PDB file of N, CA and C in Angstrom:
ATOM      1  N   MET A   1      89.792  90.277 108.696  1.00  0.00           N
ATOM      2  CA  MET A   1      90.878  90.361 107.727  1.00  0.00           C
ATOM      3  C   MET A   1      92.095  91.064 108.296  1.00  0.00           C
ATOM      4  N   THR A   2      93.265  90.631 107.753  1.00  0.00           N
ATOM      5  CA  THR A   2      94.563  91.124 108.439  1.00  0.00           C
ATOM      6  C   THR A   2      94.896  92.446 107.375  1.00  0.00           C
ATOM      7  N   LYS A   3      95.753  93.303 108.093  1.00  0.00           N
ATOM      8  CA  LYS A   3      96.007  94.486 107.413  1.00  0.00           C
ATOM      9  C   LYS A   3      97.231  94.315 106.439  1.00  0.00           C
ATOM     10  N   GLN A   4      97.003  93.414 105.473  1.00  0.00           N
ATOM     11  CA  GLN A   4      98.140  93.204 104.596  1.00  0.00           C
ATOM     12  C   GLN A   4      97.751  93.804 103.247  1.00  0.00           C
ATOM     13  N   LYS A   5      98.508  94.165 102.420  1.00  0.00           N
ATOM     14  CA  LYS A   5      98.355  94.610 101.146  1.00  0.00           C
ATOM     15  C   LYS A   5      97.996  93.679 100.180  1.00  0.00           C
ATOM     16  N   LEU A   6      96.809  93.548  99.631  1.00  0.00           N
ATOM     17  CA  LEU A   6      96.360  92.614  98.848  1.00  0.00           C
ATOM     18  C   LEU A   6      96.669  93.174  97.363  1.00  0.00           C
ATOM     19  N   THR A   7      96.792  92.291  96.294  1.00  0.00           N
ATOM     20  CA  THR A   7      96.756  92.795  94.904  1.00  0.00           C
ATOM     21  C   THR A   7      95.336  92.908  94.552  1.00  0.00           C
ATOM     22  N   TYR A   8      95.122  93.746  93.442  1.00  0.00           N
ATOM     23  CA  TYR A   8      93.729  94.057  93.012  1.00  0.00           C
ATOM     24  C   TYR A   8      92.933  92.562  92.821  1.00  0.00           C
ATOM     25  N   GLU A   9      93.643  91.665  92.074  1.00  0.00           N
ATOM     26  CA  GLU A   9      93.068  90.400  91.899  1.00  0.00           C
ATOM     27  C   GLU A   9      92.593  89.477  93.077  1.00  0.00           C
ATOM     28  N   GLN A  10      93.633  89.766  94.318  1.00  0.00           N
ATOM     29  CA  GLN A  10      93.253  89.236  95.548  1.00  0.00           C
ATOM     30  C   GLN A  10      92.031  89.765  96.242  1.00  0.00           C
ATOM     31  N   ALA A  11      92.069  91.102  96.161  1.00  0.00           N
ATOM     32  CA  ALA A  11      90.975  91.777  96.841  1.00  0.00           C
ATOM     33  C   ALA A  11      89.646  91.589  96.101  1.00  0.00           C
ATOM     34  N   MET A  12      89.717  91.415  94.699  1.00  0.00           N
ATOM     35  CA  MET A  12      88.413  91.116  93.979  1.00  0.00           C
ATOM     36  C   MET A  12      87.944  89.767  94.374  1.00  0.00           C
ATOM     37  N   GLU A  13      88.777  88.713  94.433  1.00  0.00           N
ATOM     38  CA  GLU A  13      88.548  87.451  94.720  1.00  0.00           C
ATOM     39  C   GLU A  13      87.934  87.328  96.300  1.00  0.00           C
ATOM     40  N   THR A  14      88.599  87.915  97.142  1.00  0.00           N
ATOM     41  CA  THR A  14      87.968  87.950  98.370  1.00  0.00           C
ATOM     42  C   THR A  14      86.663  88.589  98.525  1.00  0.00           C
ATOM     43  N   LEU A  15      86.447  89.817  97.801  1.00  0.00           N
ATOM     44  CA  LEU A  15      85.155  90.518  97.717  1.00  0.00           C
ATOM     45  C   LEU A  15      83.968  89.611  97.189  1.00  0.00           C
ATOM     46  N   GLU A  16      84.484  88.889  96.020  1.00  0.00           N
ATOM     47  CA  GLU A  16      83.583  87.898  95.498  1.00  0.00           C
ATOM     48  C   GLU A  16      83.021  86.822  96.379  1.00  0.00           C
ATOM     49  N   SER A  17      83.992  86.418  97.204  1.00  0.00           N
ATOM     50  CA  SER A  17      83.681  85.324  98.065  1.00  0.00           C
ATOM     51  C   SER A  17      82.695  85.857  99.231  1.00  0.00           C
ATOM     52  N   ILE A  18      82.911  87.024  99.726  1.00  0.00           N
ATOM     53  CA  ILE A  18      81.951  87.566 100.748  1.00  0.00           C
ATOM     54  C   ILE A  18      80.615  87.842  99.944  1.00  0.00           C
ATOM     55  N   VAL A  19      80.654  88.260  98.881  1.00  0.00           N
ATOM     56  CA  VAL A  19      79.336  88.469  98.168  1.00  0.00           C
ATOM     57  C   VAL A  19      78.395  87.186  98.122  1.00  0.00           C
ATOM     58  N   THR A  20      79.256  86.127  97.789  1.00  0.00           N
ATOM     59  CA  THR A  20      78.645  84.709  97.532  1.00  0.00           C
ATOM     60  C   THR A  20      78.143  84.304  98.912  1.00  0.00           C
ATOM     61  N   GLU A  21      78.968  84.299  99.957  1.00  0.00           N
ATOM     62  CA  GLU A  21      78.611  83.859 101.301  1.00  0.00           C
ATOM     63  C   GLU A  21      77.251  84.643 101.823  1.00  0.00           C
ATOM     64  N   ILE A  22      77.241  85.868 101.586  1.00  0.00           N
ATOM     65  CA  ILE A  22      76.116  86.776 102.023  1.00  0.00           C
ATOM     66  C   ILE A  22      74.786  86.392 101.256  1.00  0.00           C
ATOM     67  N   GLU A  23      74.901  86.459  99.841  1.00  0.00           N
ATOM     68  CA  GLU A  23      74.046  86.053  99.060  1.00  0.00           C
ATOM     69  C   GLU A  23      73.314  84.603  99.302  1.00  0.00           C
ATOM     70  N   GLN A  24      74.188  83.610  99.576  1.00  0.00           N
ATOM     71  CA  GLN A  24      73.774  82.203  99.866  1.00  0.00           C
ATOM     72  C   GLN A  24      73.108  82.167 101.294  1.00  0.00           C
ATOM     73  N   GLY A  25      73.304  83.185 102.003  1.00  0.00           N
ATOM     74  CA  GLY A  25      72.734  82.988 103.435  1.00  0.00           C
ATOM     75  C   GLY A  25      73.560  82.108 104.402  1.00  0.00           C
ATOM     76  N   GLU A  26      74.742  81.989 103.981  1.00  0.00           N
ATOM     77  CA  GLU A  26      75.606  81.271 104.795  1.00  0.00           C
ATOM     78  C   GLU A  26      76.118  81.650 106.164  1.00  0.00           C
ATOM     79  N   VAL A  27      75.889  83.086 106.450  1.00  0.00           N
ATOM     80  CA  VAL A  27      76.368  83.672 107.600  1.00  0.00           C
ATOM     81  C   VAL A  27      75.067  84.305 108.233  1.00  0.00           C
ATOM     82  N   SER A  28      75.312  84.570 109.536  1.00  0.00           N
ATOM     83  CA  SER A  28      74.299  85.184 110.383  1.00  0.00           C
ATOM     84  C   SER A  28      74.138  86.699 109.920  1.00  0.00           C
ATOM     85  N   LEU A  29      73.047  87.284 110.476  1.00  0.00           N
ATOM     86  CA  LEU A  29      72.892  88.812 110.101  1.00  0.00           C
ATOM     87  C   LEU A  29      74.015  89.587 110.614  1.00  0.00           C
ATOM     88  N   GLU A  30      74.451  89.291 111.912  1.00  0.00           N
ATOM     89  CA  GLU A  30      75.673  89.985 112.441  1.00  0.00           C
ATOM     90  C   GLU A  30      76.918  89.856 111.583  1.00  0.00           C
ATOM     91  N   GLN A  31      77.162  88.587 111.358  1.00  0.00           N
ATOM     92  CA  GLN A  31      78.187  88.233 110.475  1.00  0.00           C
ATOM     93  C   GLN A  31      78.255  88.930 109.054  1.00  0.00           C
ATOM     94  N   SER A  32      77.125  88.919 108.527  1.00  0.00           N
ATOM     95  CA  SER A  32      76.746  89.595 107.150  1.00  0.00           C
ATOM     96  C   SER A  32      77.136  91.118 107.215  1.00  0.00           C
ATOM     97  N   ILE A  33      76.718  91.772 108.413  1.00  0.00           N
ATOM     98  CA  ILE A  33      77.016  93.067 108.571  1.00  0.00           C
ATOM     99  C   ILE A  33      78.692  93.372 108.507  1.00  0.00           C
ATOM    100  N   GLU A  34      79.289  92.404 109.266  1.00  0.00           N
ATOM    101  CA  GLU A  34      80.790  92.506 109.458  1.00  0.00           C
ATOM    102  C   GLU A  34      81.355  92.391 108.050  1.00  0.00           C
ATOM    103  N   LYS A  35      80.806  91.156 107.435  1.00  0.00           N
ATOM    104  CA  LYS A  35      81.403  91.046 105.965  1.00  0.00           C
ATOM    105  C   LYS A  35      81.169  92.104 105.126  1.00  0.00           C
ATOM    106  N   TYR A  36      80.024  92.857 105.113  1.00  0.00           N
ATOM    107  CA  TYR A  36      79.638  94.020 104.329  1.00  0.00           C
ATOM    108  C   TYR A  36      80.729  94.953 104.656  1.00  0.00           C
ATOM    109  N   ALA A  37      80.995  95.337 105.905  1.00  0.00           N
ATOM    110  CA  ALA A  37      81.895  96.287 106.265  1.00  0.00           C
ATOM    111  C   ALA A  37      83.397  95.943 105.521  1.00  0.00           C
ATOM    112  N   GLU A  38      83.741  94.533 105.697  1.00  0.00           N
ATOM    113  CA  GLU A  38      84.957  94.144 104.996  1.00  0.00           C
ATOM    114  C   GLU A  38      85.110  94.472 103.477  1.00  0.00           C
ATOM    115  N   GLY A  39      83.811  94.169 103.046  1.00  0.00           N
ATOM    116  CA  GLY A  39      83.627  94.346 101.426  1.00  0.00           C
ATOM    117  C   GLY A  39      83.788  95.766 101.031  1.00  0.00           C
ATOM    118  N   ILE A  40      83.235  96.706 101.951  1.00  0.00           N
ATOM    119  CA  ILE A  40      83.467  98.152 101.685  1.00  0.00           C
ATOM    120  C   ILE A  40      84.988  98.466 101.667  1.00  0.00           C
ATOM    121  N   LYS A  41      85.686  97.972 102.589  1.00  0.00           N
ATOM    122  CA  LYS A  41      87.126  98.366 102.666  1.00  0.00           C
ATOM    123  C   LYS A  41      87.765  97.749 101.514  1.00  0.00           C
ATOM    124  N   LEU A  42      87.498  96.578 100.928  1.00  0.00           N
ATOM    125  CA  LEU A  42      88.020  96.000  99.840  1.00  0.00           C
ATOM    126  C   LEU A  42      87.763  96.807  98.549  1.00  0.00           C
ATOM    127  N   ILE A  43      86.521  97.351  98.383  1.00  0.00           N
ATOM    128  CA  ILE A  43      86.162  98.081  97.331  1.00  0.00           C
ATOM    129  C   ILE A  43      87.015  99.407  97.308  1.00  0.00           C
ATOM    130  N   GLN A  44      87.090  99.964  98.418  1.00  0.00           N
ATOM    131  CA  GLN A  44      87.997 101.276  98.651  1.00  0.00           C
ATOM    132  C   GLN A  44      89.451 100.859  98.069  1.00  0.00           C
ATOM    133  N   GLN A  45      89.914  99.689  98.573  1.00  0.00           N
ATOM    134  CA  GLN A  45      91.366  99.456  98.295  1.00  0.00           C
ATOM    135  C   GLN A  45      91.412  99.275  96.716  1.00  0.00           C
ATOM    136  N   CYS A  46      90.426  98.515  96.133  1.00  0.00           N
ATOM    137  CA  CYS A  46      90.343  98.303  94.714  1.00  0.00           C
ATOM    138  C   CYS A  46      90.200  99.671  93.902  1.00  0.00           C
ATOM    139  N   ARG A  47      89.583 100.497  94.355  1.00  0.00           N
ATOM    140  CA  ARG A  47      89.449 101.833  93.792  1.00  0.00           C
ATOM    141  C   ARG A  47      90.665 102.723  93.858  1.00  0.00           C
ATOM    142  N   GLY A  48      91.443 102.537  94.901  1.00  0.00           N
ATOM    143  CA  GLY A  48      92.800 103.128  95.069  1.00  0.00           C
ATOM    144  C   GLY A  48      93.904 102.524  94.138  1.00  0.00           C
ATOM    145  N   ILE A  49      93.681 101.193  93.870  1.00  0.00           N
ATOM    146  CA  ILE A  49      94.636 100.667  93.044  1.00  0.00           C
ATOM    147  C   ILE A  49      94.314 100.974  91.466  1.00  0.00           C
ATOM    148  N   LEU A  50      93.148 101.114  91.151  1.00  0.00           N
ATOM    149  CA  LEU A  50      92.745 101.480  89.936  1.00  0.00           C
ATOM    150  C   LEU A  50      92.891 102.908  89.649  1.00  0.00           C
ATOM    151  N   ASP A  51      92.803 103.791  90.713  1.00  0.00           N
ATOM    152  CA  ASP A  51      93.152 105.190  90.560  1.00  0.00           C
ATOM    153  C   ASP A  51      94.562 105.490  90.289  1.00  0.00           C
ATOM    154  N   ALA A  52      95.525 104.753  91.094  1.00  0.00           N
ATOM    155  CA  ALA A  52      96.920 104.680  90.748  1.00  0.00           C
ATOM    156  C   ALA A  52      97.354 104.248  89.350  1.00  0.00           C
ATOM    157  N   ALA A  53      96.692 103.098  88.900  1.00  0.00           N
ATOM    158  CA  ALA A  53      96.980 102.619  87.709  1.00  0.00           C
ATOM    159  C   ALA A  53      96.616 103.669  86.453  1.00  0.00           C
ATOM    160  N   GLU A  54      95.425 104.450  86.882  1.00  0.00           N
ATOM    161  CA  GLU A  54      94.940 105.538  85.820  1.00  0.00           C
ATOM    162  C   GLU A  54      96.030 106.383  85.838  1.00  0.00           C
ATOM    163  N   LYS A  55      96.467 107.035  86.821  1.00  0.00           N
ATOM    164  CA  LYS A  55      97.520 107.982  87.077  1.00  0.00           C
ATOM    165  C   LYS A  55      98.688 107.582  86.185  1.00  0.00           C
ATOM    166  N   LYS A  56      99.114 106.391  86.398  1.00  0.00           N
ATOM    167  CA  LYS A  56     100.340 105.884  85.772  1.00  0.00           C
ATOM    168  C   LYS A  56     100.143 105.945  84.218  1.00  0.00           C
ATOM    169  N   ILE A  57      99.042 105.522  83.791  1.00  0.00           N
ATOM    170  CA  ILE A  57      98.749 105.490  82.314  1.00  0.00           C
ATOM    171  C   ILE A  57      98.782 106.985  81.843  1.00  0.00           C
ATOM    172  N   GLN A  58      98.268 107.954  82.725  1.00  0.00           N
ATOM    173  CA  GLN A  58      98.303 109.312  82.142  1.00  0.00           C
ATOM    174  C   GLN A  58      99.619 109.890  82.077  1.00  0.00           C
ATOM    175  N   LEU A  59     100.620 109.323  82.827  1.00  0.00           N
ATOM    176  CA  LEU A  59     101.947 109.796  82.948  1.00  0.00           C
ATOM    177  C   LEU A  59     102.862 109.314  81.650  1.00  0.00           C
ATOM    178  N   LEU A  60     102.168 108.228  81.060  1.00  0.00           N
ATOM    179  CA  LEU A  60     102.972 107.687  79.857  1.00  0.00           C
ATOM    180  C   LEU A  60     102.625 108.495  78.689  1.00  0.00           C
ATOM    181  N   SER A  61     103.731 108.650  77.775  1.00  0.00           N
ATOM    182  CA  SER A  61     103.618 109.318  76.531  1.00  0.00           C
ATOM    183  C   SER A  61     104.352 108.715  75.415  1.00  0.00           C
ATOM    184  N   ARG A  62     104.145 109.255  74.332  1.00  0.00           N
ATOM    185  CA  ARG A  62     104.899 108.597  73.116  1.00  0.00           C
ATOM    186  C   ARG A  62     106.279 109.114  73.026  1.00  0.00           C
ATOM    187  N   GLY A  63     107.114 108.441  72.877  1.00  0.00           N
ATOM    188  CA  GLY A  63     108.642 108.871  72.848  1.00  0.00           C
ATOM    189  C   GLY A  63     109.042 108.600  71.333  1.00  0.00           C
ATOM    190  N   GLU A  64     110.424 108.763  71.196  1.00  0.00           N
ATOM    191  CA  GLU A  64     110.905 108.542  69.789  1.00  0.00           C
ATOM    192  C   GLU A  64     110.638 106.999  69.342  1.00  0.00           C
ATOM    193  N   GLY A  65     110.287 106.940  68.078  1.00  0.00           N
ATOM    194  CA  GLY A  65     110.049 105.585  67.672  1.00  0.00           C
ATOM    195  C   GLY A  65     108.688 104.997  68.077  1.00  0.00           C
ATOM    196  N   GLY A  66     107.844 105.863  68.581  1.00  0.00           N
ATOM    197  CA  GLY A  66     106.490 105.395  68.911  1.00  0.00           C
ATOM    198  C   GLY A  66     106.411 104.435  70.250  1.00  0.00           C
ATOM    199  N   LYS A  67     107.525 104.546  71.031  1.00  0.00           N
ATOM    200  CA  LYS A  67     107.510 103.773  72.232  1.00  0.00           C
ATOM    201  C   LYS A  67     107.063 104.465  73.405  1.00  0.00           C
ATOM    202  N   LEU A  68     106.531 103.873  74.297  1.00  0.00           N
ATOM    203  CA  LEU A  68     106.030 104.395  75.623  1.00  0.00           C
ATOM    204  C   LEU A  68     107.025 104.908  76.491  1.00  0.00           C
ATOM    205  N   VAL A  69     106.981 106.059  77.052  1.00  0.00           N
ATOM    206  CA  VAL A  69     107.964 106.618  77.884  1.00  0.00           C
ATOM    207  C   VAL A  69     107.379 107.007  79.051  1.00  0.00           C
ATOM    208  N   GLU A  70     107.767 106.725  80.242  1.00  0.00           N
ATOM    209  CA  GLU A  70     107.214 107.203  81.410  1.00  0.00           C
ATOM    210  C   GLU A  70     107.646 108.536  81.834  1.00  0.00           C
ATOM    211  N   ASP A  71     106.867 109.444  82.074  1.00  0.00           N
ATOM    212  CA  ASP A  71     107.168 110.868  82.453  1.00  0.00           C
ATOM    213  C   ASP A  71     107.526 111.054  83.843  1.00  0.00           C
ATOM    214  N   GLY A  72     107.155 110.270  84.681  1.00  0.00           N
ATOM    215  CA  GLY A  72     107.296 110.631  86.206  1.00  0.00           C
ATOM    216  C   GLY A  72     106.892 109.451  87.090  1.00  0.00           C
ATOM    217  N   GLU A  73     107.149 109.464  88.317  1.00  0.00           N
ATOM    218  CA  GLU A  73     106.868 108.524  89.200  1.00  0.00           C
ATOM    219  C   GLU A  73     105.572 108.527  89.933  1.00  0.00           C
ATOM    220  N   LEU A  74     104.817 107.539  90.398  1.00  0.00           N
ATOM    221  CA  LEU A  74     103.596 107.671  91.023  1.00  0.00           C
ATOM    222  C   LEU A  74     103.762 107.261  92.372  1.00  0.00           C
ATOM    223  N   PRO A  75     102.911 107.961  93.255  1.00  0.00           N
ATOM    224  CA  PRO A  75     102.890 107.725  94.627  1.00  0.00           C
ATOM    225  C   PRO A  75     102.295 106.451  94.877  1.00  0.00           C
ATOM    226  N   GLU A  76     102.717 105.886  96.013  1.00  0.00           N
ATOM    227  CA  GLU A  76     102.061 104.649  96.413  1.00  0.00           C
ATOM    228  C   GLU A  76     100.515 104.790  96.702  1.00  0.00           C
ATOM    229  N   PRO A  77      99.623 103.756  96.204  1.00  0.00           N
ATOM    230  CA  PRO A  77      98.154 103.989  96.339  1.00  0.00           C
ATOM    231  C   PRO A  77      97.979 103.892  97.836  1.00  0.00           C
ATOM    232  N   PRO A  78      96.688 104.497  98.312  1.00  0.00           N
ATOM    233  CA  PRO A  78      96.459 104.762  99.595  1.00  0.00           C
ATOM    234  C   PRO A  78      96.118 103.416 100.058  1.00  0.00           C
ATOM    235  N   GLU A  79      96.168 103.071 101.375  1.00  0.00           N
ATOM    236  CA  GLU A  79      95.728 101.862 101.986  1.00  0.00           C
ATOM    237  C   GLU A  79      94.411 101.806 102.363  1.00  0.00           C
TER     238      GLU A  79
END
């Protein structure tokens, strides 16, 4: 896997394909271990994206007229 930033959806799609390959026995044991490691990295990336989204939601508050107003900026999610 290249070291590009994937969106949450892209990471989940890649993770799903890895799981399918492993479950269907389409890869050797050694390849399964490599894919498992890749999957762990994707899970960590997804968790980082979700954590950042949760923080952003927590920064939102109700403003005048009931509109949502952002109170601050979020740091970039970890890679």
